[in-house]
C-alpha cells in the first residue's frame, strides 16, 4: 500500500503517504489510494479530523518523474494531472478539516498537497518549493493551491526561481500555520486536532464549505451567501444547544445535527 491509515482516537484519522523509496511521490497509485481514503473518511460520521503526513525522510517530492517520463502521450499526462487536481479539490470540498503534517521536503505537487489542506504544520527544518522550472516543467497545477495561500510576489519568486523556502518563512507568508521541533510536532498537531474534533461536526462542515466558497465571490455576494449559511446553521440543533450551553455556563452536548 502506498497510502496507509490509522485511527488515532477522538474522531481523528491519520493518512500517511507510504512510498519512501520515491520520497512519497504522487504517482497514479498513490493518488488513487489517497483519493479513496479521503472519500471513505469524508463519508464516515465518526471521523472529525484528518491528518496527512509522509513516511520516511520527508512529506512528498511531488509527482514521480520516472512515471511522468514513461507516459509519452498527451492523454496520459492529462489523466495524471487531472487525477492530482481531483484529490486536491477533494480536500478543499470535503466536509472534514484536513491537517498537513510536514517534515523534510514538500516539493511541487507535495507543496500543493500541503497548501490544499485546511491547516498545515511542519518541523522546524522542513522546506517547501515549486521547483518545476529547474527541469523545464513549470509548476502550474501546484501554483493553484499555493497561490491561494500566499501573495503573488512570493508565489512568483518560488515559481520563477524554483528555490526552496524554510519553515519559518513559510509561516511568515502564510503557507503553513506554524512549525515545531521534530519531537513536538506530533503532540502539537494532535492538540489542534482534538480541539477541532470537540466541536460540532455539522457546524464545522457548514463553516468549511462556506469559507472556501465565499472567497471566490465579490463582497456583496459573499455577505449574502454567508448570511444564508448562518441562517442554515442557526436552524440546526447544535447551534441551539451551543447557545443554550453558553448562556447556562455548561459544556455543550453535540448531536452533530
C-alpha atoms as a PDB file:
ATOM      1  CA  UNK A   1       0.000   0.000   0.000  1.00  0.00           C
ATOM      2  CA  UNK A   2       1.351   3.418  -0.982  1.00  0.00           C
ATOM      3  CA  UNK A   3      -1.031   5.102   1.473  1.00  0.00           C
ATOM      4  CA  UNK A   4      -1.867   3.779   4.932  1.00  0.00           C
ATOM      5  CA  UNK A   5      -4.324   4.973   7.558  1.00  0.00           C
ATOM      6  CA  UNK A   6      -4.759   4.762  11.310  1.00  0.00           C
ATOM      7  CA  UNK A   7      -7.426   5.658  13.843  1.00  0.00           C
ATOM      8  CA  UNK A   8      -5.871   7.987  16.424  1.00  0.00           C
ATOM      9  CA  UNK A   9      -8.984   8.202  18.588  1.00  0.00           C
ATOM     10  CA  UNK A  10     -11.101  11.277  19.332  1.00  0.00           C
ATOM     11  CA  UNK A  11     -12.516  11.043  15.789  1.00  0.00           C
ATOM     12  CA  UNK A  12      -9.051  11.743  14.339  1.00  0.00           C
ATOM     13  CA  UNK A  13      -7.845   9.701  11.343  1.00  0.00           C
ATOM     14  CA  UNK A  14      -4.274   9.600  10.110  1.00  0.00           C
ATOM     15  CA  UNK A  15      -3.453   9.199   6.416  1.00  0.00           C
ATOM     16  CA  UNK A  16       0.227   8.543   5.715  1.00  0.00           C
ATOM     17  CA  UNK A  17       1.896   8.571   2.303  1.00  0.00           C
ATOM     18  CA  UNK A  18       3.896   5.355   2.385  1.00  0.00           C
ATOM     19  CA  UNK A  19       6.271   5.248  -0.569  1.00  0.00           C
ATOM     20  CA  UNK A  20       9.534   6.460   0.999  1.00  0.00           C
ATOM     21  CA  UNK A  21      11.685   4.965  -1.785  1.00  0.00           C
ATOM     22  CA  UNK A  22      10.293   7.645  -4.118  1.00  0.00           C
ATOM     23  CA  UNK A  23      10.082  10.292  -1.373  1.00  0.00           C
ATOM     24  CA  UNK A  24       6.327   9.686  -1.243  1.00  0.00           C
ATOM     25  CA  UNK A  25       5.858  10.772  -4.850  1.00  0.00           C
ATOM     26  CA  UNK A  26       2.299  11.377  -6.006  1.00  0.00           C
ATOM     27  CA  UNK A  27       2.085   8.575  -8.546  1.00  0.00           C
ATOM     28  CA  UNK A  28      -1.125   7.246 -10.094  1.00  0.00           C
ATOM     29  CA  UNK A  29      -1.200   4.514  -7.435  1.00  0.00           C
ATOM     30  CA  UNK A  30      -0.606   6.882  -4.523  1.00  0.00           C
ATOM     31  CA  UNK A  31      -3.134   9.450  -5.752  1.00  0.00           C
ATOM     32  CA  UNK A  32      -5.819   6.810  -6.309  1.00  0.00           C
ATOM     33  CA  UNK A  33      -5.283   5.315  -2.853  1.00  0.00           C
ATOM     34  CA  UNK A  34      -5.290   8.775  -1.272  1.00  0.00           C
ATOM     35  CA  UNK A  35      -8.495   9.681  -3.086  1.00  0.00           C
ATOM     36  CA  UNK A  36     -10.247   6.517  -1.861  1.00  0.00           C
ATOM     37  CA  UNK A  37      -9.251   7.120   1.767  1.00  0.00           C
ATOM     38  CA  UNK A  38     -10.340  10.753   1.652  1.00  0.00           C
ATOM     39  CA  UNK A  39     -13.698   9.677   0.245  1.00  0.00           C
ATOM     40  CA  UNK A  40     -14.057   6.988   2.903  1.00  0.00           C
ATOM     41  CA  UNK A  41     -13.285   9.296   5.830  1.00  0.00           C
ATOM     42  CA  UNK A  42     -15.379  12.129   4.443  1.00  0.00           C
ATOM     43  CA  UNK A  43     -18.414   9.814   4.441  1.00  0.00           C
ATOM     44  CA  UNK A  44     -17.649   8.389   7.900  1.00  0.00           C
ATOM     45  CA  UNK A  45     -19.795  10.089  10.530  1.00  0.00           C
ATOM     46  CA  UNK A  46     -17.296   9.180  13.282  1.00  0.00           C
ATOM     47  CA  UNK A  47     -14.397  10.950  11.560  1.00  0.00           C
ATOM     48  CA  UNK A  48     -13.952  14.528  12.744  1.00  0.00           C
ATOM     49  CA  UNK A  49     -10.437  15.451  11.549  1.00  0.00           C
ATOM     50  CA  UNK A  50      -7.954  14.021   9.028  1.00  0.00           C
ATOM     51  CA  UNK A  51      -4.162  14.348   9.314  1.00  0.00           C
ATOM     52  CA  UNK A  52      -1.992  13.766   6.219  1.00  0.00           C
ATOM     53  CA  UNK A  53       1.709  13.011   6.666  1.00  0.00           C
ATOM     54  CA  UNK A  54       4.551  11.234   4.893  1.00  0.00           C
ATOM     55  CA  UNK A  55       6.675   8.212   5.793  1.00  0.00           C
ATOM     56  CA  UNK A  56      10.460   8.223   5.623  1.00  0.00           C
ATOM     57  CA  UNK A  57      12.703  11.235   5.060  1.00  0.00           C
ATOM     58  CA  UNK A  58      10.041  13.714   4.010  1.00  0.00           C
ATOM     59  CA  UNK A  59       6.473  14.662   3.181  1.00  0.00           C
ATOM     60  CA  UNK A  60       6.376  14.415  -0.617  1.00  0.00           C
ATOM     61  CA  UNK A  61       8.636  15.283  -3.544  1.00  0.00           C
ATOM     62  CA  UNK A  62       5.664  15.725  -5.874  1.00  0.00           C
ATOM     63  CA  UNK A  63       4.988  13.704  -8.994  1.00  0.00           C
ATOM     64  CA  UNK A  64       7.066  10.606  -9.753  1.00  0.00           C
ATOM     65  CA  UNK A  65       9.282  11.885 -12.576  1.00  0.00           C
ATOM     66  CA  UNK A  66      10.160   8.377 -13.779  1.00  0.00           C
ATOM     67  CA  UNK A  67       6.444   7.680 -14.137  1.00  0.00           C
ATOM     68  CA  UNK A  68       5.830  11.043 -15.808  1.00  0.00           C
ATOM     69  CA  UNK A  69       8.626  10.409 -18.321  1.00  0.00           C
ATOM     70  CA  UNK A  70       7.199   6.966 -19.161  1.00  0.00           C
ATOM     71  CA  UNK A  71       3.697   8.208 -20.056  1.00  0.00           C
ATOM     72  CA  UNK A  72       4.588   9.596 -23.519  1.00  0.00           C
ATOM     73  CA  UNK A  73       1.137  10.765 -24.587  1.00  0.00           C
ATOM     74  CA  UNK A  74      -0.944  13.874 -24.060  1.00  0.00           C
ATOM     75  CA  UNK A  75      -3.957  11.900 -22.811  1.00  0.00           C
ATOM     76  CA  UNK A  76      -1.888  10.091 -20.172  1.00  0.00           C
ATOM     77  CA  UNK A  77      -0.300  13.324 -18.943  1.00  0.00           C
ATOM     78  CA  UNK A  78      -3.717  14.909 -18.704  1.00  0.00           C
ATOM     79  CA  UNK A  79      -5.081  11.886 -16.843  1.00  0.00           C
ATOM     80  CA  UNK A  80      -2.343  12.174 -14.210  1.00  0.00           C
ATOM     81  CA  UNK A  81      -2.655  15.922 -13.686  1.00  0.00           C
ATOM     82  CA  UNK A  82      -6.455  15.739 -13.620  1.00  0.00           C
ATOM     83  CA  UNK A  83      -6.303  12.981 -11.002  1.00  0.00           C
ATOM     84  CA  UNK A  84      -3.954  15.064  -8.857  1.00  0.00           C
ATOM     85  CA  UNK A  85      -6.247  18.072  -9.191  1.00  0.00           C
ATOM     86  CA  UNK A  86      -9.235  15.909  -8.230  1.00  0.00           C
ATOM     87  CA  UNK A  87      -7.517  14.873  -4.975  1.00  0.00           C
ATOM     88  CA  UNK A  88      -6.704  18.478  -4.088  1.00  0.00           C
ATOM     89  CA  UNK A  89     -10.300  19.517  -4.748  1.00  0.00           C
ATOM     90  CA  UNK A  90     -11.490  16.593  -2.595  1.00  0.00           C
ATOM     91  CA  UNK A  91      -9.550  18.019   0.324  1.00  0.00           C
ATOM     92  CA  UNK A  92     -10.918  21.534  -0.123  1.00  0.00           C
ATOM     93  CA  UNK A  93     -14.509  20.487  -0.810  1.00  0.00           C
ATOM     94  CA  UNK A  94     -14.576  17.699   1.770  1.00  0.00           C
ATOM     95  CA  UNK A  95     -16.651  18.077   4.915  1.00  0.00           C
ATOM     96  CA  UNK A  96     -13.852  17.202   7.325  1.00  0.00           C
ATOM     97  CA  UNK A  97     -10.945  19.510   8.264  1.00  0.00           C
ATOM     98  CA  UNK A  98      -7.634  18.216   6.895  1.00  0.00           C
ATOM     99  CA  UNK A  99      -4.281  18.980   8.521  1.00  0.00           C
ATOM    100  CA  UNK A 100      -0.938  18.584   6.744  1.00  0.00           C
ATOM    101  CA  UNK A 101       1.866  17.298   8.967  1.00  0.00           C
ATOM    102  CA  UNK A 102       5.056  18.115   7.077  1.00  0.00           C
ATOM    103  CA  UNK A 103       8.629  17.037   7.669  1.00  0.00           C
ATOM    104  CA  UNK A 104      11.578  17.089   5.288  1.00  0.00           C
ATOM    105  CA  UNK A 105      10.622  18.433   1.874  1.00  0.00           C
ATOM    106  CA  UNK A 106       7.252  19.325   0.394  1.00  0.00           C
ATOM    107  CA  UNK A 107       8.090  19.988  -3.250  1.00  0.00           C
ATOM    108  CA  UNK A 108       5.981  20.652  -6.367  1.00  0.00           C
ATOM    109  CA  UNK A 109       2.753  18.610  -6.047  1.00  0.00           C
ATOM    110  CA  UNK A 110       3.852  17.799  -2.478  1.00  0.00           C
ATOM    111  CA  UNK A 111       3.827  21.517  -1.714  1.00  0.00           C
ATOM    112  CA  UNK A 112       0.455  21.657  -3.484  1.00  0.00           C
ATOM    113  CA  UNK A 113      -0.853  18.934  -1.175  1.00  0.00           C
ATOM    114  CA  UNK A 114       0.287  20.783   1.950  1.00  0.00           C
ATOM    115  CA  UNK A 115      -1.238  24.038   0.665  1.00  0.00           C
ATOM    116  CA  UNK A 116      -4.533  22.318  -0.189  1.00  0.00           C
ATOM    117  CA  UNK A 117      -5.026  21.175   3.402  1.00  0.00           C
ATOM    118  CA  UNK A 118      -7.076  23.416   5.688  1.00  0.00           C
ATOM    119  CA  UNK A 119      -4.227  23.679   8.190  1.00  0.00           C
ATOM    120  CA  UNK A 120      -0.525  22.899   7.831  1.00  0.00           C
ATOM    121  CA  UNK A 121       2.199  22.413  10.429  1.00  0.00           C
ATOM    122  CA  UNK A 122       5.797  21.362   9.932  1.00  0.00           C
ATOM    123  CA  UNK A 123       9.067  20.586  11.630  1.00  0.00           C
ATOM    124  CA  UNK A 124      11.474  23.486  12.067  1.00  0.00           C
ATOM    125  CA  UNK A 125      13.744  22.153   9.330  1.00  0.00           C
ATOM    126  CA  UNK A 126      11.054  21.455   6.716  1.00  0.00           C
ATOM    127  CA  UNK A 127      11.430  23.077   3.296  1.00  0.00           C
ATOM    128  CA  UNK A 128       8.872  23.945   0.628  1.00  0.00           C
ATOM    129  CA  UNK A 129       9.329  24.564  -3.091  1.00  0.00           C
ATOM    130  CA  UNK A 130       7.714  24.686  -6.522  1.00  0.00           C
ATOM    131  CA  UNK A 131      10.906  23.726  -8.406  1.00  0.00           C
ATOM    132  CA  UNK A 132       9.462  22.575 -11.724  1.00  0.00           C
ATOM    133  CA  UNK A 133      11.160  25.424 -13.602  1.00  0.00           C
ATOM    134  CA  UNK A 134      14.509  23.738 -12.867  1.00  0.00           C
ATOM    135  CA  UNK A 135      13.565  20.768 -15.050  1.00  0.00           C
ATOM    136  CA  UNK A 136      11.604  22.659 -17.695  1.00  0.00           C
ATOM    137  CA  UNK A 137       8.189  21.859 -16.235  1.00  0.00           C
ATOM    138  CA  UNK A 138       6.526  24.911 -14.679  1.00  0.00           C
ATOM    139  CA  UNK A 139       4.569  24.071 -11.509  1.00  0.00           C
ATOM    140  CA  UNK A 140       1.255  25.202 -12.991  1.00  0.00           C
ATOM    141  CA  UNK A 141      -1.098  22.945 -11.037  1.00  0.00           C
ATOM    142  CA  UNK A 142       0.790  23.290  -7.727  1.00  0.00           C
ATOM    143  CA  UNK A 143       0.578  27.077  -8.040  1.00  0.00           C
ATOM    144  CA  UNK A 144      -3.240  26.906  -7.943  1.00  0.00           C
ATOM    145  CA  UNK A 145      -3.206  25.743  -4.323  1.00  0.00           C
ATOM    146  CA  UNK A 146      -0.125  27.643  -3.165  1.00  0.00           C
ATOM    147  CA  UNK A 147      -1.162  30.968  -4.748  1.00  0.00           C
ATOM    148  CA  UNK A 148      -4.404  30.816  -2.786  1.00  0.00           C
ATOM    149  CA  UNK A 149      -2.397  30.790   0.443  1.00  0.00           C
ATOM    150  CA  UNK A 150       0.409  33.308  -0.198  1.00  0.00           C
ATOM    151  CA  UNK A 151       0.706  36.619  -2.027  1.00  0.00           C
ATOM    152  CA  UNK A 152       1.532  36.928  -5.726  1.00  0.00           C
ATOM    153  CA  UNK A 153       5.068  38.305  -5.416  1.00  0.00           C
ATOM    154  CA  UNK A 154       6.173  35.475  -3.124  1.00  0.00           C
ATOM    155  CA  UNK A 155       4.432  32.929  -5.317  1.00  0.00           C
ATOM    156  CA  UNK A 156       6.092  34.173  -8.487  1.00  0.00           C
ATOM    157  CA  UNK A 157       9.510  34.120  -6.842  1.00  0.00           C
ATOM    158  CA  UNK A 158       9.011  30.492  -5.822  1.00  0.00           C
ATOM    159  CA  UNK A 159       7.788  29.601  -9.315  1.00  0.00           C
ATOM    160  CA  UNK A 160      10.397  31.527 -11.300  1.00  0.00           C
ATOM    161  CA  UNK A 161      13.458  30.566  -9.256  1.00  0.00           C
ATOM    162  CA  UNK A 162      12.467  27.115  -8.026  1.00  0.00           C
ATOM    163  CA  UNK A 163      14.312  27.876  -4.806  1.00  0.00           C
ATOM    164  CA  UNK A 164      13.037  26.269  -1.585  1.00  0.00           C
ATOM    165  CA  UNK A 165      11.856  28.272   1.395  1.00  0.00           C
ATOM    166  CA  UNK A 166      12.352  27.334   5.032  1.00  0.00           C
ATOM    167  CA  UNK A 167       9.603  26.649   7.561  1.00  0.00           C
ATOM    168  CA  UNK A 168       9.965  29.966   9.380  1.00  0.00           C
ATOM    169  CA  UNK A 169       9.487  31.889   6.136  1.00  0.00           C
ATOM    170  CA  UNK A 170       6.653  29.567   5.054  1.00  0.00           C
ATOM    171  CA  UNK A 171       4.887  30.542   8.272  1.00  0.00           C
ATOM    172  CA  UNK A 172       5.630  34.222   7.735  1.00  0.00           C
ATOM    173  CA  UNK A 173       3.987  34.248   4.279  1.00  0.00           C
ATOM    174  CA  UNK A 174       1.022  32.092   5.326  1.00  0.00           C
ATOM    175  CA  UNK A 175       1.852  28.797   3.633  1.00  0.00           C
ATOM    176  CA  UNK A 176       1.833  26.977   6.982  1.00  0.00           C
ATOM    177  CA  UNK A 177       0.274  27.758  10.352  1.00  0.00           C
ATOM    178  CA  UNK A 178       3.335  27.026  12.460  1.00  0.00           C
ATOM    179  CA  UNK A 179       6.473  24.896  12.849  1.00  0.00           C
ATOM    180  CA  UNK A 180       7.860  22.955  15.773  1.00  0.00           C
ATOM    181  CA  UNK A 181      10.781  20.798  16.853  1.00  0.00           C
ATOM    182  CA  UNK A 182      10.553  17.248  15.498  1.00  0.00           C
ATOM    183  CA  UNK A 183       9.821  15.783  18.921  1.00  0.00           C
ATOM    184  CA  UNK A 184       6.968  18.245  19.498  1.00  0.00           C
ATOM    185  CA  UNK A 185       5.223  18.295  16.113  1.00  0.00           C
ATOM    186  CA  UNK A 186       3.006  15.259  16.665  1.00  0.00           C
ATOM    187  CA  UNK A 187       1.827  16.445  20.084  1.00  0.00           C
ATOM    188  CA  UNK A 188       1.064  19.958  18.805  1.00  0.00           C
ATOM    189  CA  UNK A 189      -0.928  18.679  15.830  1.00  0.00           C
ATOM    190  CA  UNK A 190      -2.868  16.230  17.982  1.00  0.00           C
ATOM    191  CA  UNK A 191      -3.760  19.063  20.367  1.00  0.00           C
ATOM    192  CA  UNK A 192      -5.149  21.111  17.474  1.00  0.00           C
ATOM    193  CA  UNK A 193      -6.968  18.085  16.035  1.00  0.00           C
ATOM    194  CA  UNK A 194      -8.547  17.273  19.406  1.00  0.00           C
ATOM    195  CA  UNK A 195      -9.785  20.854  19.785  1.00  0.00           C
ATOM    196  CA  UNK A 196     -11.417  20.683  16.361  1.00  0.00           C
ATOM    197  CA  UNK A 197     -12.887  17.229  16.995  1.00  0.00           C
ATOM    198  CA  UNK A 198     -14.549  18.519  20.177  1.00  0.00           C
ATOM    199  CA  UNK A 199     -16.712  20.920  18.150  1.00  0.00           C
ATOM    200  CA  UNK A 200     -19.989  20.199  16.382  1.00  0.00           C
ATOM    201  CA  UNK A 201     -19.300  18.149  13.264  1.00  0.00           C
ATOM    202  CA  UNK A 202     -22.246  19.787  11.497  1.00  0.00           C
ATOM    203  CA  UNK A 203     -21.067  23.287  12.340  1.00  0.00           C
ATOM    204  CA  UNK A 204     -17.555  22.527  11.044  1.00  0.00           C
ATOM    205  CA  UNK A 205     -18.991  21.072   7.822  1.00  0.00           C
ATOM    206  CA  UNK A 206     -21.164  24.129   7.134  1.00  0.00           C
ATOM    207  CA  UNK A 207     -18.361  26.517   8.044  1.00  0.00           C
ATOM    208  CA  UNK A 208     -15.652  24.866   5.964  1.00  0.00           C
ATOM    209  CA  UNK A 209     -17.804  24.838   2.867  1.00  0.00           C
ATOM    210  CA  UNK A 210     -18.825  28.463   3.362  1.00  0.00           C
ATOM    211  CA  UNK A 211     -15.236  29.596   3.936  1.00  0.00           C
ATOM    212  CA  UNK A 212     -13.903  28.394   0.599  1.00  0.00           C
ATOM    213  CA  UNK A 213     -16.985  29.287  -1.395  1.00  0.00           C
ATOM    214  CA  UNK A 214     -17.178  32.905  -0.205  1.00  0.00           C
ATOM    215  CA  UNK A 215     -13.514  33.501  -1.037  1.00  0.00           C
ATOM    216  CA  UNK A 216     -14.313  33.316  -4.747  1.00  0.00           C
ATOM    217  CA  UNK A 217     -17.241  35.760  -4.536  1.00  0.00           C
ATOM    218  CA  UNK A 218     -17.492  39.561  -4.773  1.00  0.00           C
ATOM    219  CA  UNK A 219     -18.022  41.189  -1.363  1.00  0.00           C
ATOM    220  CA  UNK A 220     -21.786  41.739  -1.614  1.00  0.00           C
ATOM    221  CA  UNK A 221     -22.422  38.191  -2.857  1.00  0.00           C
ATOM    222  CA  UNK A 222     -20.159  36.783  -0.156  1.00  0.00           C
ATOM    223  CA  UNK A 223     -22.173  38.502   2.565  1.00  0.00           C
ATOM    224  CA  UNK A 224     -25.468  37.362   1.041  1.00  0.00           C
ATOM    225  CA  UNK A 225     -24.252  33.782   0.796  1.00  0.00           C
ATOM    226  CA  UNK A 226     -22.774  33.663   4.318  1.00  0.00           C
ATOM    227  CA  UNK A 227     -25.951  35.199   5.767  1.00  0.00           C
ATOM    228  CA  UNK A 228     -27.819  32.268   4.248  1.00  0.00           C
ATOM    229  CA  UNK A 229     -25.259  29.848   5.698  1.00  0.00           C
ATOM    230  CA  UNK A 230     -25.514  31.448   9.153  1.00  0.00           C
ATOM    231  CA  UNK A 231     -29.295  31.087   8.967  1.00  0.00           C
ATOM    232  CA  UNK A 232     -28.968  27.434   7.921  1.00  0.00           C
ATOM    233  CA  UNK A 233     -26.538  26.874  10.782  1.00  0.00           C
ATOM    234  CA  UNK A 234     -28.845  28.622  13.270  1.00  0.00           C
ATOM    235  CA  UNK A 235     -31.683  26.248  12.393  1.00  0.00           C
ATOM    236  CA  UNK A 236     -29.589  23.250  13.434  1.00  0.00           C
ATOM    237  CA  UNK A 237     -29.960  21.577  16.828  1.00  0.00           C
ATOM    238  CA  UNK A 238     -26.275  22.073  17.618  1.00  0.00           C
ATOM    239  CA  UNK A 239     -26.465  25.854  17.294  1.00  0.00           C
ATOM    240  CA  UNK A 240     -29.421  25.969  19.673  1.00  0.00           C
ATOM    241  CA  UNK A 241     -27.607  23.637  22.079  1.00  0.00           C
ATOM    242  CA  UNK A 242     -24.358  25.613  21.853  1.00  0.00           C
ATOM    243  CA  UNK A 243     -26.035  28.930  22.616  1.00  0.00           C
ATOM    244  CA  UNK A 244     -28.031  27.416  25.479  1.00  0.00           C
ATOM    245  CA  UNK A 245     -24.909  25.816  26.943  1.00  0.00           C
ATOM    246  CA  UNK A 246     -23.029  29.126  26.774  1.00  0.00           C
ATOM    247  CA  UNK A 247     -25.827  31.032  28.498  1.00  0.00           C
ATOM    248  CA  UNK A 248     -26.206  28.301  31.115  1.00  0.00           C
ATOM    249  CA  UNK A 249     -22.421  28.141  31.693  1.00  0.00           C
ATOM    250  CA  UNK A 250     -22.097  24.424  30.890  1.00  0.00           C
ATOM    251  CA  UNK A 251     -20.393  22.277  28.252  1.00  0.00           C
ATOM    252  CA  UNK A 252     -22.468  21.653  25.112  1.00  0.00           C
ATOM    253  CA  UNK A 253     -23.695  18.171  24.234  1.00  0.00           C
ATOM    254  CA  UNK A 254     -23.457  17.999  20.456  1.00  0.00           C
ATOM    255  CA  UNK A 255     -25.909  15.964  18.411  1.00  0.00           C
ATOM    256  CA  UNK A 256     -23.983  16.720  15.204  1.00  0.00           C
ATOM    257  CA  UNK A 257     -27.217  17.749  13.504  1.00  0.00           C
END
